């Protein structure tokens, strides 16, 4: 399942690495693409999007589902 999340408070490569680590900590097999310029995180995983929203929020960011 592919999930796209907007993370408006992501502003740098350090933020991107923190988000990627949060995703990998939840699902090491997930494919994750973090684009700082568009502030979009794309995750391909069998886990539901809500789990990634929680993990990224726990890392200090404010993700929202992308419409």
PDB file of N, CA and C in Angstrom:
ATOM      1  N   UNK A   1       0.837  -1.168   0.000  1.00  0.00           N
ATOM      2  CA  UNK A   1       0.000   0.000   0.000  1.00  0.00           C
ATOM      3  C   UNK A   1       0.889   1.240   0.000  1.00  0.00           C
ATOM      4  N   UNK A   2       0.531   2.201  -0.837  1.00  0.00           N
ATOM      5  CA  UNK A   2       1.311   3.436  -0.953  1.00  0.00           C
ATOM      6  C   UNK A   2       0.615   4.541  -0.160  1.00  0.00           C
ATOM      7  N   UNK A   3       1.393   5.231   0.654  1.00  0.00           N
ATOM      8  CA  UNK A   3       0.894   6.315   1.487  1.00  0.00           C
ATOM      9  C   UNK A   3       1.672   7.581   1.179  1.00  0.00           C
ATOM     10  N   UNK A   4       0.979   8.691   1.015  1.00  0.00           N
ATOM     11  CA  UNK A   4       1.638   9.984   0.848  1.00  0.00           C
ATOM     12  C   UNK A   4       1.215  10.882   1.994  1.00  0.00           C
ATOM     13  N   UNK A   5       2.211  11.452   2.656  1.00  0.00           N
ATOM     14  CA  UNK A   5       1.960  12.345   3.779  1.00  0.00           C
ATOM     15  C   UNK A   5       2.617  13.688   3.518  1.00  0.00           C
ATOM     16  N   UNK A   6       1.924  14.756   3.860  1.00  0.00           N
ATOM     17  CA  UNK A   6       2.498  16.096   3.809  1.00  0.00           C
ATOM     18  C   UNK A   6       3.079  16.388   5.187  1.00  0.00           C
ATOM     19  N   UNK A   7       4.311  16.863   5.206  1.00  0.00           N
ATOM     20  CA  UNK A   7       4.968  17.210   6.476  1.00  0.00           C
ATOM     21  C   UNK A   7       5.471  18.642   6.318  1.00  0.00           C
ATOM     22  N   UNK A   8       4.596  19.586   6.600  1.00  0.00           N
ATOM     23  CA  UNK A   8       4.890  21.001   6.352  1.00  0.00           C
ATOM     24  C   UNK A   8       6.055  21.532   7.181  1.00  0.00           C
ATOM     25  N   UNK A   9       6.317  20.938   8.337  1.00  0.00           N
ATOM     26  CA  UNK A   9       7.409  21.439   9.185  1.00  0.00           C
ATOM     27  C   UNK A   9       8.741  20.747   8.918  1.00  0.00           C
ATOM     28  N   UNK A  10       8.835  19.996   7.827  1.00  0.00           N
ATOM     29  CA  UNK A  10      10.103  19.398   7.407  1.00  0.00           C
ATOM     30  C   UNK A  10      10.843  20.445   6.566  1.00  0.00           C
ATOM     31  N   UNK A  11      12.085  20.772   6.961  1.00  0.00           N
ATOM     32  CA  UNK A  11      12.751  21.870   6.262  1.00  0.00           C
ATOM     33  C   UNK A  11      14.175  21.579   5.798  1.00  0.00           C
ATOM     34  N   UNK A  12      14.729  20.422   6.154  1.00  0.00           N
ATOM     35  CA  UNK A  12      16.129  20.182   5.798  1.00  0.00           C
ATOM     36  C   UNK A  12      16.418  18.687   5.691  1.00  0.00           C
ATOM     37  N   UNK A  13      17.639  18.386   5.292  1.00  0.00           N
ATOM     38  CA  UNK A  13      18.068  16.992   5.179  1.00  0.00           C
ATOM     39  C   UNK A  13      18.043  16.266   6.506  1.00  0.00           C
ATOM     40  N   UNK A  14      18.323  16.975   7.585  1.00  0.00           N
ATOM     41  CA  UNK A  14      18.263  16.357   8.909  1.00  0.00           C
ATOM     42  C   UNK A  14      16.851  15.929   9.250  1.00  0.00           C
ATOM     43  N   UNK A  15      15.886  16.770   8.895  1.00  0.00           N
ATOM     44  CA  UNK A  15      14.481  16.415   9.098  1.00  0.00           C
ATOM     45  C   UNK A  15      14.136  15.158   8.287  1.00  0.00           C
ATOM     46  N   UNK A  16      14.574  15.137   7.038  1.00  0.00           N
ATOM     47  CA  UNK A  16      14.296  14.008   6.153  1.00  0.00           C
ATOM     48  C   UNK A  16      14.873  12.718   6.728  1.00  0.00           C
ATOM     49  N   UNK A  17      16.091  12.777   7.252  1.00  0.00           N
ATOM     50  CA  UNK A  17      16.702  11.589   7.845  1.00  0.00           C
ATOM     51  C   UNK A  17      15.947  11.134   9.088  1.00  0.00           C
ATOM     52  N   UNK A  18      15.506  12.082   9.900  1.00  0.00           N
ATOM     53  CA  UNK A  18      14.738  11.731  11.097  1.00  0.00           C
ATOM     54  C   UNK A  18      13.428  11.042  10.728  1.00  0.00           C
ATOM     55  N   UNK A  19      12.772  11.549   9.710  1.00  0.00           N
ATOM     56  CA  UNK A  19      11.513  10.948   9.267  1.00  0.00           C
ATOM     57  C   UNK A  19      11.762   9.560   8.686  1.00  0.00           C
ATOM     58  N   UNK A  20      12.796   9.416   7.871  1.00  0.00           N
ATOM     59  CA  UNK A  20      13.127   8.107   7.298  1.00  0.00           C
ATOM     60  C   UNK A  20      13.449   7.099   8.403  1.00  0.00           C
ATOM     61  N   UNK A  21      14.155   7.540   9.440  1.00  0.00           N
ATOM     62  CA  UNK A  21      14.461   6.642  10.569  1.00  0.00           C
ATOM     63  C   UNK A  21      13.187   6.237  11.310  1.00  0.00           C
ATOM     64  N   UNK A  22      12.262   7.177  11.473  1.00  0.00           N
ATOM     65  CA  UNK A  22      11.003   6.867  12.152  1.00  0.00           C
ATOM     66  C   UNK A  22      10.217   5.812  11.370  1.00  0.00           C
ATOM     67  N   UNK A  23      10.199   5.946  10.057  1.00  0.00           N
ATOM     68  CA  UNK A  23       9.504   4.972   9.208  1.00  0.00           C
ATOM     69  C   UNK A  23      10.198   3.613   9.295  1.00  0.00           C
ATOM     70  N   UNK A  24      11.516   3.605   9.166  1.00  0.00           N
ATOM     71  CA  UNK A  24      12.278   2.354   9.215  1.00  0.00           C
ATOM     72  C   UNK A  24      12.154   1.677  10.575  1.00  0.00           C
ATOM     73  N   UNK A  25      12.032   2.460  11.633  1.00  0.00           N
ATOM     74  CA  UNK A  25      11.869   1.884  12.962  1.00  0.00           C
ATOM     75  C   UNK A  25      10.550   1.152  13.112  1.00  0.00           C
ATOM     76  N   UNK A  26       9.566   1.591  12.376  1.00  0.00           N
ATOM     77  CA  UNK A  26       8.253   0.957  12.412  1.00  0.00           C
ATOM     78  C   UNK A  26       8.181  -0.223  11.451  1.00  0.00           C
ATOM     79  N   UNK A  27       8.722  -0.048  10.257  1.00  0.00           N
ATOM     80  CA  UNK A  27       8.705  -1.101   9.231  1.00  0.00           C
ATOM     81  C   UNK A  27      10.018  -1.057   8.450  1.00  0.00           C
ATOM     82  N   UNK A  28      11.004  -1.871   8.847  1.00  0.00           N
ATOM     83  CA  UNK A  28      12.303  -1.866   8.171  1.00  0.00           C
ATOM     84  C   UNK A  28      12.223  -2.229   6.689  1.00  0.00           C
ATOM     85  N   UNK A  29      11.160  -2.919   6.284  1.00  0.00           N
ATOM     86  CA  UNK A  29      11.018  -3.328   4.887  1.00  0.00           C
ATOM     87  C   UNK A  29      10.320  -2.270   4.031  1.00  0.00           C
ATOM     88  N   UNK A  30       9.849  -1.203   4.634  1.00  0.00           N
ATOM     89  CA  UNK A  30       9.127  -0.168   3.892  1.00  0.00           C
ATOM     90  C   UNK A  30      10.062   0.580   2.953  1.00  0.00           C
ATOM     91  N   UNK A  31       9.529   0.945   1.796  1.00  0.00           N
ATOM     92  CA  UNK A  31      10.246   1.835   0.879  1.00  0.00           C
ATOM     93  C   UNK A  31       9.776   3.247   1.212  1.00  0.00           C
ATOM     94  N   UNK A  32      10.730   4.142   1.440  1.00  0.00           N
ATOM     95  CA  UNK A  32      10.367   5.510   1.812  1.00  0.00           C
ATOM     96  C   UNK A  32      11.122   6.509   0.948  1.00  0.00           C
ATOM     97  N   UNK A  33      10.393   7.517   0.480  1.00  0.00           N
ATOM     98  CA  UNK A  33      10.988   8.609  -0.284  1.00  0.00           C
ATOM     99  C   UNK A  33      10.585   9.901   0.418  1.00  0.00           C
ATOM    100  N   UNK A  34      11.568  10.663   0.853  1.00  0.00           N
ATOM    101  CA  UNK A  34      11.316  11.914   1.558  1.00  0.00           C
ATOM    102  C   UNK A  34      11.817  13.055   0.676  1.00  0.00           C
ATOM    103  N   UNK A  35      10.897  13.910   0.249  1.00  0.00           N
ATOM    104  CA  UNK A  35      11.243  15.029  -0.632  1.00  0.00           C
ATOM    105  C   UNK A  35      11.088  16.334   0.149  1.00  0.00           C
ATOM    106  N   UNK A  36      12.217  16.895   0.552  1.00  0.00           N
ATOM    107  CA  UNK A  36      12.198  18.121   1.354  1.00  0.00           C
ATOM    108  C   UNK A  36      11.612  19.289   0.566  1.00  0.00           C
ATOM    109  N   UNK A  37      11.890  19.369  -0.731  1.00  0.00           N
ATOM    110  CA  UNK A  37      11.432  20.515  -1.527  1.00  0.00           C
ATOM    111  C   UNK A  37       9.907  20.578  -1.637  1.00  0.00           C
ATOM    112  N   UNK A  38       9.246  19.418  -1.715  1.00  0.00           N
ATOM    113  CA  UNK A  38       7.780  19.402  -1.804  1.00  0.00           C
ATOM    114  C   UNK A  38       7.126  19.127  -0.452  1.00  0.00           C
ATOM    115  N   UNK A  39       7.953  18.744   0.537  1.00  0.00           N
ATOM    116  CA  UNK A  39       7.480  18.409   1.886  1.00  0.00           C
ATOM    117  C   UNK A  39       6.536  17.203   1.876  1.00  0.00           C
ATOM    118  N   UNK A  40       6.826  16.252   0.963  1.00  0.00           N
ATOM    119  CA  UNK A  40       6.011  15.054   0.818  1.00  0.00           C
ATOM    120  C   UNK A  40       6.835  13.817   1.164  1.00  0.00           C
ATOM    121  N   UNK A  41       6.236  12.936   1.956  1.00  0.00           N
ATOM    122  CA  UNK A  41       6.841  11.651   2.300  1.00  0.00           C
ATOM    123  C   UNK A  41       5.982  10.573   1.654  1.00  0.00           C
ATOM    124  N   UNK A  42       6.605   9.737   0.841  1.00  0.00           N
ATOM    125  CA  UNK A  42       5.902   8.635   0.191  1.00  0.00           C
ATOM    126  C   UNK A  42       6.419   7.334   0.771  1.00  0.00           C
ATOM    127  N   UNK A  43       5.493   6.512   1.262  1.00  0.00           N
ATOM    128  CA  UNK A  43       5.853   5.260   1.928  1.00  0.00           C
ATOM    129  C   UNK A  43       5.100   4.122   1.264  1.00  0.00           C
ATOM    130  N   UNK A  44       5.821   3.052   0.946  1.00  0.00           N
ATOM    131  CA  UNK A  44       5.187   1.840   0.442  1.00  0.00           C
ATOM    132  C   UNK A  44       5.411   0.757   1.484  1.00  0.00           C
ATOM    133  N   UNK A  45       4.307   0.267   2.043  1.00  0.00           N
ATOM    134  CA  UNK A  45       4.376  -0.686   3.148  1.00  0.00           C
ATOM    135  C   UNK A  45       3.037  -1.414   3.258  1.00  0.00           C
ATOM    136  N   UNK A  46       3.044  -2.513   3.992  1.00  0.00           N
ATOM    137  CA  UNK A  46       1.800  -3.230   4.255  1.00  0.00           C
ATOM    138  C   UNK A  46       1.079  -2.661   5.480  1.00  0.00           C
ATOM    139  N   UNK A  47       1.744  -1.785   6.222  1.00  0.00           N
ATOM    140  CA  UNK A  47       1.126  -1.189   7.410  1.00  0.00           C
ATOM    141  C   UNK A  47       0.210  -0.033   7.025  1.00  0.00           C
ATOM    142  N   UNK A  48      -0.805   0.248   7.840  1.00  0.00           N
ATOM    143  CA  UNK A  48      -1.704   1.358   7.540  1.00  0.00           C
ATOM    144  C   UNK A  48      -1.035   2.719   7.741  1.00  0.00           C
ATOM    145  N   UNK A  49      -1.515   3.706   7.017  1.00  0.00           N
ATOM    146  CA  UNK A  49      -0.963   5.057   7.068  1.00  0.00           C
ATOM    147  C   UNK A  49      -0.969   5.623   8.477  1.00  0.00           C
ATOM    148  N   UNK A  50      -1.987   5.307   9.246  1.00  0.00           N
ATOM    149  CA  UNK A  50      -2.103   5.862  10.599  1.00  0.00           C
ATOM    150  C   UNK A  50      -0.900   5.516  11.464  1.00  0.00           C
ATOM    151  N   UNK A  51      -0.322   4.355  11.263  1.00  0.00           N
ATOM    152  CA  UNK A  51       0.860   3.955  12.039  1.00  0.00           C
ATOM    153  C   UNK A  51       2.045   4.852  11.714  1.00  0.00           C
ATOM    154  N   UNK A  52       2.204   5.225  10.453  1.00  0.00           N
ATOM    155  CA  UNK A  52       3.306   6.104  10.050  1.00  0.00           C
ATOM    156  C   UNK A  52       3.078   7.533  10.519  1.00  0.00           C
ATOM    157  N   UNK A  53       1.821   7.967  10.495  1.00  0.00           N
ATOM    158  CA  UNK A  53       1.504   9.299  11.019  1.00  0.00           C
ATOM    159  C   UNK A  53       1.934   9.373  12.480  1.00  0.00           C
ATOM    160  N   UNK A  54       1.611   8.342  13.258  1.00  0.00           N
ATOM    161  CA  UNK A  54       1.978   8.305  14.676  1.00  0.00           C
ATOM    162  C   UNK A  54       3.494   8.291  14.862  1.00  0.00           C
ATOM    163  N   UNK A  55       4.200   7.488  14.076  1.00  0.00           N
ATOM    164  CA  UNK A  55       5.656   7.372  14.208  1.00  0.00           C
ATOM    165  C   UNK A  55       6.348   8.682  13.851  1.00  0.00           C
ATOM    166  N   UNK A  56       5.892   9.330  12.797  1.00  0.00           N
ATOM    167  CA  UNK A  56       6.503  10.597  12.377  1.00  0.00           C
ATOM    168  C   UNK A  56       6.171  11.694  13.393  1.00  0.00           C
ATOM    169  N   UNK A  57       4.970  11.676  13.931  1.00  0.00           N
ATOM    170  CA  UNK A  57       4.599  12.645  14.970  1.00  0.00           C
ATOM    171  C   UNK A  57       5.452  12.437  16.220  1.00  0.00           C
ATOM    172  N   UNK A  58       5.705  11.185  16.563  1.00  0.00           N
ATOM    173  CA  UNK A  58       6.543  10.891  17.734  1.00  0.00           C
ATOM    174  C   UNK A  58       7.973  11.386  17.528  1.00  0.00           C
ATOM    175  N   UNK A  59       8.386  11.521  16.267  1.00  0.00           N
ATOM    176  CA  UNK A  59       9.726  12.044  15.952  1.00  0.00           C
ATOM    177  C   UNK A  59       9.750  13.572  15.989  1.00  0.00           C
ATOM    178  N   UNK A  60       8.594  14.195  16.256  1.00  0.00           N
ATOM    179  CA  UNK A  60       8.560  15.643  16.421  1.00  0.00           C
ATOM    180  C   UNK A  60       8.008  16.440  15.257  1.00  0.00           C
ATOM    181  N   UNK A  61       7.379  15.773  14.310  1.00  0.00           N
ATOM    182  CA  UNK A  61       6.838  16.442  13.135  1.00  0.00           C
ATOM    183  C   UNK A  61       5.313  16.368  13.133  1.00  0.00           C
ATOM    184  N   UNK A  62       4.704  17.074  12.198  1.00  0.00           N
ATOM    185  CA  UNK A  62       3.239  17.134  12.119  1.00  0.00           C
ATOM    186  C   UNK A  62       2.758  16.673  10.746  1.00  0.00           C
ATOM    187  N   UNK A  63       2.727  15.358  10.520  1.00  0.00           N
ATOM    188  CA  UNK A  63       2.308  14.844   9.214  1.00  0.00           C
ATOM    189  C   UNK A  63       0.790  14.868   9.065  1.00  0.00           C
ATOM    190  N   UNK A  64       0.343  14.968   7.829  1.00  0.00           N
ATOM    191  CA  UNK A  64      -1.080  14.863   7.524  1.00  0.00           C
ATOM    192  C   UNK A  64      -1.240  14.094   6.224  1.00  0.00           C
ATOM    193  N   UNK A  65      -2.351  13.391   6.123  1.00  0.00           N
ATOM    194  CA  UNK A  65      -2.619  12.628   4.906  1.00  0.00           C
ATOM    195  C   UNK A  65      -2.754  13.591   3.750  1.00  0.00           C
ATOM    196  N   UNK A  66      -2.196  13.201   2.632  1.00  0.00           N
ATOM    197  CA  UNK A  66      -2.243  14.058   1.434  1.00  0.00           C
ATOM    198  C   UNK A  66      -3.479  13.712   0.645  1.00  0.00           C
ATOM    199  N   UNK A  67      -4.243  14.717   0.261  1.00  0.00           N
ATOM    200  CA  UNK A  67      -5.490  14.511  -0.506  1.00  0.00           C
ATOM    201  C   UNK A  67      -5.203  14.321  -1.963  1.00  0.00           C
TER     202      UNK A  67
END
